[in-house]
Amino acid sequence: EARLMLDKELTEVESAALAIKMRRNSIAPIHRLPSEIFAKVFSILCQSHAPSTFSTWELGWITVTHVCRHWRQIAFDNPSLWGTNIISHPMWIEERLSRSKNSPITLDISFHP
């Protein structure tokens, strides 16, 4: 029982630390930019840095979603990003189609051995 109480307390401390880190990140100068600017930059990256078709490690423009929660949310809120170059690694096709919602889809098909 003592261990469970300590685990609960640790979870609460970790949650509090995460909340403080998020508040700290939110005051960084880059967060003052409008989300539309980020979305435009992500769109340009999306067109020039497509995820690899053959590697699960080469995420291309999708790596911006790993920077912070703010950037991830901006990317997730822009379905047009997910419908571009939809043919990437097969395990992600369904997820990308789901995120693209009703936006137009662009297929990039390469035939490699």
Protein backbone atom coordinates (compact mmCIF):
# COMPACT_ATOMS: atom_id res chain seq x y z
CA GLU A 1 0.00 0.00 0.00
CA ALA A 2 2.87 2.36 0.81
CA ARG A 3 4.41 1.65 -2.61
CA LEU A 4 1.11 2.45 -4.36
CA MET A 5 0.84 5.74 -2.49
CA LEU A 6 4.41 6.66 -3.46
CA ASP A 7 3.74 5.69 -7.10
CA LYS A 8 0.66 7.88 -7.07
CA GLU A 9 2.66 10.76 -5.61
CA LEU A 10 5.38 10.28 -8.27
CA THR A 11 2.75 10.35 -11.02
CA GLU A 12 1.36 13.61 -9.62
CA VAL A 13 4.84 15.17 -9.46
CA GLU A 14 5.62 14.06 -13.03
CA SER A 15 2.31 15.52 -14.24
CA ALA A 16 3.04 18.80 -12.46
CA ALA A 17 6.55 18.92 -13.99
CA LEU A 18 5.09 18.29 -17.45
CA ALA A 19 2.57 21.10 -16.98
CA ILE A 20 5.36 23.48 -15.95
CA LYS A 21 7.47 22.48 -18.97
CA MET A 22 4.50 23.11 -21.27
CA ARG A 23 3.97 26.57 -19.75
CA ARG A 24 7.70 27.27 -20.08
CA ASN A 25 7.65 26.24 -23.75
CA SER A 26 4.61 28.40 -24.40
CA ILE A 27 6.53 31.59 -23.55
CA ALA A 28 9.32 30.86 -26.05
CA PRO A 29 9.45 33.56 -28.77
CA ILE A 30 8.68 31.06 -31.54
CA HIS A 31 5.30 30.34 -29.95
CA ARG A 32 4.26 33.93 -30.63
CA LEU A 33 4.02 33.13 -34.33
CA PRO A 34 0.50 32.44 -35.57
CA SER A 35 -0.38 28.80 -36.19
CA GLU A 36 -1.01 29.70 -39.86
CA ILE A 37 2.70 30.48 -40.29
CA PHE A 38 3.66 27.08 -38.91
CA ALA A 39 1.05 25.42 -41.12
CA LYS A 40 2.49 27.14 -44.21
CA VAL A 41 6.05 26.09 -43.31
CA PHE A 42 4.86 22.54 -42.67
CA SER A 43 3.12 22.57 -46.06
CA ILE A 44 6.34 23.59 -47.81
CA LEU A 45 8.24 20.88 -45.92
CA CYS A 46 5.54 18.39 -46.82
CA GLN A 47 6.05 19.05 -50.53
CA SER A 48 9.84 18.88 -50.40
CA HIS A 49 10.53 16.25 -47.73
CA ALA A 50 8.18 13.31 -48.19
CA PRO A 51 8.46 10.37 -45.78
CA SER A 52 10.41 7.40 -47.08
CA THR A 53 8.47 4.69 -48.82
CA PHE A 54 10.86 1.99 -47.71
CA SER A 55 11.94 3.00 -44.23
CA THR A 56 10.02 3.42 -40.99
CA TRP A 57 12.83 5.69 -39.71
CA GLU A 58 12.86 8.31 -42.45
CA LEU A 59 9.79 10.35 -41.53
CA GLY A 60 10.51 13.36 -43.73
CA TRP A 61 8.39 16.39 -42.84
CA ILE A 62 6.48 14.35 -40.22
CA THR A 63 9.42 14.84 -37.83
CA VAL A 64 7.97 18.28 -37.04
CA THR A 65 5.25 16.48 -35.09
CA HIS A 66 7.97 15.20 -32.74
CA VAL A 67 9.23 18.66 -31.78
CA CYS A 68 6.54 19.67 -29.30
CA ARG A 69 2.83 19.33 -28.57
CA HIS A 70 2.10 22.71 -30.15
CA TRP A 71 3.65 21.75 -33.49
CA ARG A 72 2.04 18.31 -33.39
CA GLN A 73 -1.38 19.86 -32.83
CA ILE A 74 -0.88 22.32 -35.71
CA ALA A 75 0.07 19.45 -38.03
CA PHE A 76 -2.86 17.31 -36.88
CA ASP A 77 -5.24 20.25 -37.38
CA ASN A 78 -4.22 20.55 -41.06
CA PRO A 79 -5.63 17.58 -43.00
CA SER A 80 -4.09 18.76 -46.27
CA LEU A 81 -0.64 17.86 -44.91
CA TRP A 82 -1.62 14.24 -44.49
CA GLY A 83 -3.07 13.76 -47.96
CA THR A 84 0.15 14.68 -49.75
CA ASN A 85 2.48 11.89 -50.91
CA ILE A 86 0.18 9.41 -49.25
CA ILE A 87 2.15 6.38 -50.38
CA SER A 88 4.78 6.16 -47.70
CA HIS A 89 5.58 3.20 -45.54
CA PRO A 90 2.62 0.77 -45.82
CA MET A 91 2.04 0.64 -42.08
CA TRP A 92 1.16 4.37 -42.06
CA ILE A 93 -1.13 4.59 -45.09
CA GLU A 94 -4.38 4.01 -43.16
CA GLU A 95 -3.42 6.54 -40.47
CA ARG A 96 -2.47 9.19 -43.05
CA LEU A 97 -5.72 8.66 -44.94
CA SER A 98 -7.63 9.07 -41.69
CA ARG A 99 -5.80 12.31 -40.84
CA SER A 100 -6.30 13.71 -44.33
CA LYS A 101 -10.08 13.72 -43.73
CA ASN A 102 -11.79 15.25 -46.80
CA SER A 103 -8.76 17.01 -48.26
CA PRO A 104 -7.53 16.11 -51.74
CA ILE A 105 -5.09 13.22 -51.83
CA THR A 106 -1.84 13.16 -53.80
CA LEU A 107 -0.28 9.80 -54.57
CA ASP A 108 3.46 9.37 -55.10
CA ILE A 109 4.14 5.91 -56.47
CA SER A 110 7.65 4.68 -57.18
CA PHE A 111 8.44 1.25 -58.50
CA HIS A 112 11.65 0.00 -56.92
CA PRO A 113 12.79 -3.60 -56.64
